[in-house]
C-alpha atoms as a PDB file:
ATOM      1  CA  MET A   1     107.804  78.853 111.492  1.00  0.00           C
ATOM      2  CA  ASP A   2     111.380  79.413 111.973  1.00  0.00           C
ATOM      3  CA  ARG A   3     112.543  83.095 112.702  1.00  0.00           C
ATOM      4  CA  ILE A   4     115.522  82.425 110.884  1.00  0.00           C
ATOM      5  CA  ALA A   5     115.433  82.535 107.153  1.00  0.00           C
ATOM      6  CA  PHE A   6     118.888  81.302 106.300  1.00  0.00           C
ATOM      7  CA  THR A   7     122.586  81.465 107.369  1.00  0.00           C
ATOM      8  CA  ILE A   8     125.400  82.892 105.750  1.00  0.00           C
ATOM      9  CA  PHE A   9     129.120  83.110 106.922  1.00  0.00           C
ATOM     10  CA  GLY A  10     127.796  81.687 110.354  1.00  0.00           C
ATOM     11  CA  ILE A  11     125.462  84.732 110.641  1.00  0.00           C
ATOM     12  CA  ASP A  12     121.654  84.092 111.135  1.00  0.00           C
ATOM     13  CA  VAL A  13     119.378  86.284 108.689  1.00  0.00           C
ATOM     14  CA  MET A  14     116.082  86.718 110.292  1.00  0.00           C
ATOM     15  CA  TRP A  15     112.774  86.765 108.195  1.00  0.00           C
ATOM     16  CA  TYR A  16     111.981  89.886 110.360  1.00  0.00           C
ATOM     17  CA  GLY A  17     114.784  91.817 108.970  1.00  0.00           C
ATOM     18  CA  ILE A  18     114.064  90.552 105.264  1.00  0.00           C
ATOM     19  CA  LEU A  19     110.519  91.812 105.637  1.00  0.00           C
ATOM     20  CA  MET A  20     111.710  95.049 107.072  1.00  0.00           C
ATOM     21  CA  ALA A  21     114.168  95.439 104.343  1.00  0.00           C
ATOM     22  CA  THR A  22     111.539  94.532 101.852  1.00  0.00           C
ATOM     23  CA  GLY A  23     109.245  97.159 103.063  1.00  0.00           C
ATOM     24  CA  MET A  24     111.786  99.860 102.975  1.00  0.00           C
ATOM     25  CA  ILE A  25     112.762  99.251  99.537  1.00  0.00           C
ATOM     26  CA  LEU A  26     109.245  98.975  98.206  1.00  0.00           C
ATOM     27  CA  GLY A  27     108.566 102.360 100.146  1.00  0.00           C
ATOM     28  CA  THR A  28     111.610 103.811  98.527  1.00  0.00           C
ATOM     29  CA  LEU A  29     110.396 102.851  95.060  1.00  0.00           C
ATOM     30  CA  ILE A  30     106.981 104.084  95.408  1.00  0.00           C
ATOM     31  CA  ALA A  31     108.678 107.394  96.593  1.00  0.00           C
ATOM     32  CA  LEU A  32     110.826 107.956  93.673  1.00  0.00           C
ATOM     33  CA  LYS A  33     107.791 107.083  91.420  1.00  0.00           C
ATOM     34  CA  GLU A  34     105.504 109.796  92.872  1.00  0.00           C
ATOM     35  CA  ALA A  35     108.476 112.268  93.114  1.00  0.00           C
ATOM     36  CA  LYS A  36     108.887 112.087  89.631  1.00  0.00           C
ATOM     37  CA  ARG A  37     105.114 112.478  89.101  1.00  0.00           C
ATOM     38  CA  VAL A  38     105.000 115.801  91.435  1.00  0.00           C
ATOM     39  CA  GLY A  39     108.401 117.250  90.157  1.00  0.00           C
ATOM     40  CA  ILE A  40     110.900 116.219  92.827  1.00  0.00           C
ATOM     41  CA  LYS A  41     114.190 115.203  91.968  1.00  0.00           C
ATOM     42  CA  GLU A  42     114.620 111.422  92.219  1.00  0.00           C
ATOM     43  CA  ASP A  43     118.271 111.912  93.352  1.00  0.00           C
ATOM     44  CA  ASP A  44     116.964 113.944  96.354  1.00  0.00           C
ATOM     45  CA  ILE A  45     114.887 111.032  97.438  1.00  0.00           C
ATOM     46  CA  LEU A  46     117.794 108.921  97.133  1.00  0.00           C
ATOM     47  CA  ASP A  47     119.652 110.864  99.314  1.00  0.00           C
ATOM     48  CA  LEU A  48     117.026 111.263 101.816  1.00  0.00           C
ATOM     49  CA  ALA A  49     116.483 107.542 102.206  1.00  0.00           C
ATOM     50  CA  ILE A  50     119.959 107.093 102.781  1.00  0.00           C
ATOM     51  CA  ILE A  51     119.618 109.313 105.592  1.00  0.00           C
ATOM     52  CA  ALA A  52     116.568 109.012 107.000  1.00  0.00           C
ATOM     53  CA  ILE A  53     116.224 104.953 106.960  1.00  0.00           C
ATOM     54  CA  PRO A  54     119.354 104.313 109.288  1.00  0.00           C
ATOM     55  CA  VAL A  55     118.074 107.551 111.551  1.00  0.00           C
ATOM     56  CA  GLY A  56     114.442 105.968 111.631  1.00  0.00           C
ATOM     57  CA  LEU A  57     116.122 102.708 112.535  1.00  0.00           C
ATOM     58  CA  ILE A  58     117.986 104.132 115.429  1.00  0.00           C
ATOM     59  CA  SER A  59     115.165 106.386 116.510  1.00  0.00           C
ATOM     60  CA  ALA A  60     113.005 103.281 116.457  1.00  0.00           C
ATOM     61  CA  ARG A  61     115.387 101.459 118.987  1.00  0.00           C
ATOM     62  CA  LEU A  62     115.964 104.583 121.051  1.00  0.00           C
ATOM     63  CA  TYR A  63     112.267 104.822 121.553  1.00  0.00           C
ATOM     64  CA  TYR A  64     112.021 101.346 122.639  1.00  0.00           C
ATOM     65  CA  VAL A  65     115.058 101.499 124.951  1.00  0.00           C
ATOM     66  CA  ILE A  66     113.806 104.597 126.632  1.00  0.00           C
ATOM     67  CA  PHE A  67     110.230 103.215 127.520  1.00  0.00           C
ATOM     68  CA  ASN A  68     111.824  99.826 128.981  1.00  0.00           C
ATOM     69  CA  TRP A  69     114.886 101.590 130.668  1.00  0.00           C
ATOM     70  CA  GLU A  70     114.069  99.376 133.780  1.00  0.00           C
ATOM     71  CA  TYR A  71     115.232  96.482 132.021  1.00  0.00           C
ATOM     72  CA  TYR A  72     118.031  98.099 129.747  1.00  0.00           C
ATOM     73  CA  SER A  73     119.414 100.089 132.669  1.00  0.00           C
ATOM     74  CA  ASN A  74     120.191  96.845 134.336  1.00  0.00           C
ATOM     75  CA  ASN A  75     121.355  95.132 131.030  1.00  0.00           C
ATOM     76  CA  PRO A  76     123.159  98.017 129.244  1.00  0.00           C
ATOM     77  CA  SER A  77     124.951  95.513 126.958  1.00  0.00           C
ATOM     78  CA  GLN A  78     121.644  94.773 125.443  1.00  0.00           C
ATOM     79  CA  ILE A  79     120.874  98.419 124.154  1.00  0.00           C
ATOM     80  CA  PHE A  80     122.732  97.717 120.927  1.00  0.00           C
ATOM     81  CA  ASN A  81     121.723  94.263 120.555  1.00  0.00           C
ATOM     82  CA  PHE A  82     119.170  95.128 117.519  1.00  0.00           C
ATOM     83  CA  ARG A  83     119.152  91.552 116.671  1.00  0.00           C
ATOM     84  CA  GLY A  84     117.380  90.765 119.960  1.00  0.00           C
ATOM     85  CA  GLY A  85     114.474  92.636 119.159  1.00  0.00           C
ATOM     86  CA  GLY A  86     112.687  95.793 120.182  1.00  0.00           C
ATOM     87  CA  MET A  87     111.820  98.590 117.582  1.00  0.00           C
ATOM     88  CA  ALA A  88     108.904 101.067 117.820  1.00  0.00           C
ATOM     89  CA  ILE A  89     107.458 102.524 114.805  1.00  0.00           C
ATOM     90  CA  HIS A  90     106.562 105.644 116.450  1.00  0.00           C
ATOM     91  CA  GLY A  91     110.472 106.304 117.097  1.00  0.00           C
ATOM     92  CA  ALA A  92     111.077 105.666 113.490  1.00  0.00           C
ATOM     93  CA  LEU A  93     108.479 107.897 112.389  1.00  0.00           C
ATOM     94  CA  ILE A  94     109.579 110.658 114.771  1.00  0.00           C
ATOM     95  CA  GLY A  95     113.148 110.312 113.409  1.00  0.00           C
ATOM     96  CA  GLY A  96     112.383 110.022 110.017  1.00  0.00           C
ATOM     97  CA  ILE A  97     110.152 113.122 110.173  1.00  0.00           C
ATOM     98  CA  LEU A  98     113.032 115.101 111.940  1.00  0.00           C
ATOM     99  CA  ALA A  99     115.381 113.985 109.372  1.00  0.00           C
ATOM    100  CA  GLY A 100     113.240 114.994 106.351  1.00  0.00           C
ATOM    101  CA  TYR A 101     112.705 118.379 107.642  1.00  0.00           C
ATOM    102  CA  ILE A 102     116.357 119.046 108.160  1.00  0.00           C
ATOM    103  CA  PHE A 103     117.053 117.745 104.965  1.00  0.00           C
ATOM    104  CA  SER A 104     114.250 119.647 103.004  1.00  0.00           C
ATOM    105  CA  ARG A 105     115.602 122.847 104.789  1.00  0.00           C
ATOM    106  CA  TYR A 106     119.270 121.913 103.202  1.00  0.00           C
ATOM    107  CA  LYS A 107     118.052 121.144  99.909  1.00  0.00           C
ATOM    108  CA  LYS A 108     115.673 124.118  99.877  1.00  0.00           C
ATOM    109  CA  ILE A 109     112.803 121.618  99.270  1.00  0.00           C
ATOM    110  CA  ASN A 110     109.146 122.496 100.116  1.00  0.00           C
ATOM    111  CA  PHE A 111     109.045 119.989 103.579  1.00  0.00           C
ATOM    112  CA  LEU A 112     105.403 119.258 103.232  1.00  0.00           C
ATOM    113  CA  LYS A 113     105.614 118.376  99.394  1.00  0.00           C
ATOM    114  CA  LEU A 114     108.524 116.190 100.196  1.00  0.00           C
ATOM    115  CA  ALA A 115     106.743 114.584 103.263  1.00  0.00           C
ATOM    116  CA  ASP A 116     103.882 113.804 101.203  1.00  0.00           C
ATOM    117  CA  THR A 117     105.880 112.031  98.642  1.00  0.00           C
ATOM    118  CA  VAL A 118     108.035 109.938 100.800  1.00  0.00           C
ATOM    119  CA  ILE A 119     104.959 108.999 103.212  1.00  0.00           C
ATOM    120  CA  LEU A 120     102.972 107.556 100.782  1.00  0.00           C
ATOM    121  CA  GLY A 121     104.720 104.268 100.603  1.00  0.00           C
ATOM    122  CA  MET A 122     105.193 103.992 104.308  1.00  0.00           C
ATOM    123  CA  PRO A 123     101.935 102.221 105.226  1.00  0.00           C
ATOM    124  CA  LEU A 124     102.538  99.413 102.687  1.00  0.00           C
ATOM    125  CA  ALA A 125     105.987  98.872 104.204  1.00  0.00           C
ATOM    126  CA  GLN A 126     104.547  98.811 107.725  1.00  0.00           C
ATOM    127  CA  ALA A 127     102.152  96.168 106.296  1.00  0.00           C
ATOM    128  CA  ILE A 128     104.774  94.099 105.187  1.00  0.00           C
ATOM    129  CA  GLY A 129     106.830  94.333 108.220  1.00  0.00           C
ATOM    130  CA  ARG A 130     104.020  93.525 110.744  1.00  0.00           C
ATOM    131  CA  TRP A 131     104.270  89.877 109.169  1.00  0.00           C
ATOM    132  CA  GLY A 132     107.579  89.503 111.134  1.00  0.00           C
ATOM    133  CA  ASN A 133     105.967  89.970 114.413  1.00  0.00           C
ATOM    134  CA  PHE A 134     103.906  86.751 113.232  1.00  0.00           C
ATOM    135  CA  ILE A 135     107.041  84.719 112.600  1.00  0.00           C
ATOM    136  CA  ASN A 136     108.479  85.834 115.814  1.00  0.00           C
ATOM    137  CA  LYS A 137     105.322  85.076 117.815  1.00  0.00           C
ATOM    138  CA  GLU A 138     105.131  88.694 119.152  1.00  0.00           C
ATOM    139  CA  ALA A 139     102.936  91.821 119.222  1.00  0.00           C
ATOM    140  CA  HIS A 140      99.801  89.809 119.470  1.00  0.00           C
ATOM    141  CA  GLY A 141      96.887  90.106 121.661  1.00  0.00           C
ATOM    142  CA  GLY A 142      94.906  88.623 124.530  1.00  0.00           C
ATOM    143  CA  PRO A 143      93.030  85.307 124.518  1.00  0.00           C
ATOM    144  CA  THR A 144      90.194  85.066 122.015  1.00  0.00           C
ATOM    145  CA  ASN A 145      87.900  82.596 120.876  1.00  0.00           C
ATOM    146  CA  LEU A 146      87.570  84.219 117.253  1.00  0.00           C
ATOM    147  CA  PRO A 147      87.940  81.733 114.353  1.00  0.00           C
ATOM    148  CA  TRP A 148      90.985  83.975 113.106  1.00  0.00           C
ATOM    149  CA  GLY A 149      92.599  83.746 116.383  1.00  0.00           C
ATOM    150  CA  ILE A 150      96.359  82.387 116.373  1.00  0.00           C
ATOM    151  CA  MET A 151      98.277  79.769 118.820  1.00  0.00           C
ATOM    152  CA  VAL A 152     100.810  81.197 120.700  1.00  0.00           C
ATOM    153  CA  ASP A 153     102.153  79.155 123.602  1.00  0.00           C
ATOM    154  CA  GLY A 154      99.130  77.124 123.600  1.00  0.00           C
ATOM    155  CA  VAL A 155      96.734  79.852 123.684  1.00  0.00           C
ATOM    156  CA  LYS A 156      94.387  81.125 120.958  1.00  0.00           C
ATOM    157  CA  VAL A 157      95.068  84.999 120.702  1.00  0.00           C
ATOM    158  CA  HIS A 158      94.136  87.782 118.574  1.00  0.00           C
ATOM    159  CA  PRO A 159      96.474  88.331 115.581  1.00  0.00           C
ATOM    160  CA  THR A 160      96.801  92.010 116.123  1.00  0.00           C
ATOM    161  CA  PHE A 161      99.834  91.769 113.822  1.00  0.00           C
ATOM    162  CA  LEU A 162      97.116  90.825 111.114  1.00  0.00           C
ATOM    163  CA  TYR A 163      94.854  93.494 112.149  1.00  0.00           C
ATOM    164  CA  GLU A 164      97.497  96.292 111.904  1.00  0.00           C
ATOM    165  CA  SER A 165      98.747  94.772 108.546  1.00  0.00           C
ATOM    166  CA  ILE A 166      95.230  94.929 107.090  1.00  0.00           C
ATOM    167  CA  TRP A 167      94.474  98.341 108.295  1.00  0.00           C
ATOM    168  CA  ASP A 168      98.055  99.758 106.765  1.00  0.00           C
ATOM    169  CA  PHE A 169      97.398  98.184 103.748  1.00  0.00           C
ATOM    170  CA  GLY A 170      94.067  99.842 103.559  1.00  0.00           C
ATOM    171  CA  ILE A 171      95.565 103.074 104.049  1.00  0.00           C
ATOM    172  CA  PHE A 172      98.146 102.567 101.534  1.00  0.00           C
ATOM    173  CA  ILE A 173      95.231 101.941  98.944  1.00  0.00           C
ATOM    174  CA  PHE A 174      93.358 104.797  99.893  1.00  0.00           C
ATOM    175  CA  LEU A 175      96.305 107.214  99.894  1.00  0.00           C
ATOM    176  CA  CYS A 176      97.479 106.143  96.365  1.00  0.00           C
ATOM    177  CA  ILE A 177      93.845 107.212  95.031  1.00  0.00           C
ATOM    178  CA  PHE A 178      93.681 110.259  96.893  1.00  0.00           C
ATOM    179  CA  ARG A 179      96.832 111.671  96.431  1.00  0.00           C
ATOM    180  CA  LYS A 180      95.868 113.196  92.906  1.00  0.00           C
ATOM    181  CA  LYS A 181      92.828 114.865  94.651  1.00  0.00           C
ATOM    182  CA  LYS A 182      94.552 116.544  97.519  1.00  0.00           C
ATOM    183  CA  SER A 183      93.919 120.282  97.913  1.00  0.00           C
ATOM    184  CA  TYR A 184      97.016 121.229  99.508  1.00  0.00           C
ATOM    185  CA  GLU A 185     100.381 120.287 100.325  1.00  0.00           C
ATOM    186  CA  GLY A 186     100.908 118.047 103.425  1.00  0.00           C
ATOM    187  CA  GLN A 187      97.445 116.510 103.133  1.00  0.00           C
ATOM    188  CA  ILE A 188      98.788 113.323 102.526  1.00  0.00           C
ATOM    189  CA  ILE A 189     100.880 113.021 105.409  1.00  0.00           C
ATOM    190  CA  VAL A 190      98.022 114.407 107.476  1.00  0.00           C
ATOM    191  CA  LEU A 191      95.722 111.881 106.379  1.00  0.00           C
ATOM    192  CA  TYR A 192      98.340 109.101 107.169  1.00  0.00           C
ATOM    193  CA  ALA A 193      98.962 110.336 110.611  1.00  0.00           C
ATOM    194  CA  ILE A 194      95.192 110.612 111.328  1.00  0.00           C
ATOM    195  CA  LEU A 195      94.299 107.005 109.935  1.00  0.00           C
ATOM    196  CA  TYR A 196      97.197 105.095 111.006  1.00  0.00           C
ATOM    197  CA  SER A 197      96.741 106.473 114.686  1.00  0.00           C
ATOM    198  CA  LEU A 198      93.123 105.953 114.776  1.00  0.00           C
ATOM    199  CA  GLY A 199      93.791 102.273 114.041  1.00  0.00           C
ATOM    200  CA  ARG A 200      96.685 101.625 115.932  1.00  0.00           C
ATOM    201  CA  PHE A 201      94.756 103.371 119.017  1.00  0.00           C
ATOM    202  CA  PHE A 202      92.090 100.635 118.927  1.00  0.00           C
ATOM    203  CA  ILE A 203      94.634  97.804 118.058  1.00  0.00           C
ATOM    204  CA  GLU A 204      96.910  98.799 120.614  1.00  0.00           C
ATOM    205  CA  GLY A 205      94.317  97.982 123.353  1.00  0.00           C
ATOM    206  CA  LEU A 206      94.025  94.569 122.248  1.00  0.00           C
ATOM    207  CA  ARG A 207      97.899  93.943 122.598  1.00  0.00           C
ATOM    208  CA  THR A 208      99.726  92.422 125.598  1.00  0.00           C
ATOM    209  CA  ASP A 209     103.122  93.902 125.090  1.00  0.00           C
ATOM    210  CA  SER A 210     102.628  97.692 124.938  1.00  0.00           C
ATOM    211  CA  LEU A 211     105.056 100.049 125.992  1.00  0.00           C
ATOM    212  CA  MET A 212     103.898 101.723 128.907  1.00  0.00           C
ATOM    213  CA  ILE A 213     104.149 105.402 130.667  1.00  0.00           C
ATOM    214  CA  GLY A 214     102.713 104.658 134.126  1.00  0.00           C
ATOM    215  CA  PRO A 215      99.277 103.280 133.693  1.00  0.00           C
ATOM    216  CA  LEU A 216      99.005 104.314 130.105  1.00  0.00           C
ATOM    217  CA  ARG A 217      99.619 102.721 127.057  1.00  0.00           C
ATOM    218  CA  MET A 218     102.291 104.599 125.161  1.00  0.00           C
ATOM    219  CA  ALA A 219     101.151 103.995 121.749  1.00  0.00           C
ATOM    220  CA  GLN A 220      97.898 104.850 122.248  1.00  0.00           C
ATOM    221  CA  VAL A 221      98.698 108.214 124.151  1.00  0.00           C
ATOM    222  CA  ILE A 222     100.877 108.955 120.979  1.00  0.00           C
ATOM    223  CA  SER A 223      98.078 107.723 118.611  1.00  0.00           C
ATOM    224  CA  LEU A 224      95.401 109.995 120.406  1.00  0.00           C
ATOM    225  CA  ALA A 225      97.868 113.006 119.903  1.00  0.00           C
ATOM    226  CA  GLY A 226      98.270 112.036 116.356  1.00  0.00           C
ATOM    227  CA  VAL A 227      94.602 111.944 115.710  1.00  0.00           C
ATOM    228  CA  ILE A 228      94.140 115.586 117.273  1.00  0.00           C
ATOM    229  CA  GLY A 229      97.029 117.103 116.152  1.00  0.00           C
ATOM    230  CA  GLY A 230      96.318 115.688 112.348  1.00  0.00           C
ATOM    231  CA  ILE A 231      92.976 117.330 112.601  1.00  0.00           C
ATOM    232  CA  ILE A 232      94.215 120.567 113.654  1.00  0.00           C
ATOM    233  CA  VAL A 233      97.062 120.743 111.176  1.00  0.00           C
ATOM    234  CA  HIS A 234      94.554 119.782 108.531  1.00  0.00           C
ATOM    235  CA  LEU A 235      92.394 122.594 109.571  1.00  0.00           C
ATOM    236  CA  TYR A 236      95.344 125.087 109.548  1.00  0.00           C
ATOM    237  CA  LEU A 237      96.693 124.007 106.244  1.00  0.00           C
ATOM    238  CA  SER A 238      93.429 123.857 104.554  1.00  0.00           C
ATOM    239  CA  ARG A 239      92.327 127.264 105.690  1.00  0.00           C
ATOM    240  CA  LYS A 240      95.943 128.967 104.888  1.00  0.00           C
ATOM    241  CA  ASN A 241      95.441 127.142 101.054  1.00  0.00           C
ATOM    242  CA  LYS A 242      91.906 128.717 100.817  1.00  0.00           C
ATOM    243  CA  LYS A 243      93.243 132.234 101.874  1.00  0.00           C
ATOM    244  CA  GLU A 244      96.336 131.781  99.360  1.00  0.00           C
ATOM    245  CA  ILE A 245      93.521 130.940  96.511  1.00  0.00           C
ATOM    246  CA  ASP A 246      91.233 133.762  97.599  1.00  0.00           C
ATOM    247  CA  ASP A 247      94.277 136.200  97.439  1.00  0.00           C
ATOM    248  CA  ILE A 248      95.489 135.168  94.096  1.00  0.00           C
ATOM    249  CA  LYS A 249      91.569 135.718  92.838  1.00  0.00           C
ATOM    250  CA  GLU A 250      91.507 139.124  94.276  1.00  0.00           C
ATOM    251  CA  ARG A 251      94.866 140.021  92.345  1.00  0.00           C
END
């Protein structure tokens, strides 16, 4: 499949960009609907999107460049060549969460409540965006004889983009079902962090284009930290919530 969807005024519009934009739009719409349900102003969600989306994109690129510095230090003109590819979801998440935290402090909104609202559509956006990797013939795994393998450069390989897309969509469905049963603010983003990191850890082990930090796959290191950190935060917030409930009962 051609990477270029169409050309307008001499500019090639890539399928990857269209899929990423589609995911971000849907994620924002889901956040708007959830905001209305939980009592957050929809205008605040739109304001945050205007800030967090570009910050996330820049952070995703910066993360990728840092862990490919050997190449970019010798090709500095390519650092800002976003159209040439090279974005990392972990960088986008770090940048987006930081932007959301600063925004919540400025607007005096409960950060954890805001995070739960915004993160709900994130796995759906990721599930859609991963299909851009399929079109670009990237983010695939090593050779396989499995019947669902895909052909890349004449070799049948693991469609790791598909594995992650299915996993992300499953997380989205689970969070949509669970969100009304959560017991404390922040539980949705904590569950997202644990579930996404768990799946990404194993899927990353199959990929052939991982960002590396020495002999380690960076995404696996971050994913392991995400699982452990998520569990620690869950224990802390659930105990804090239980204590607050007990204090209220004692009054």
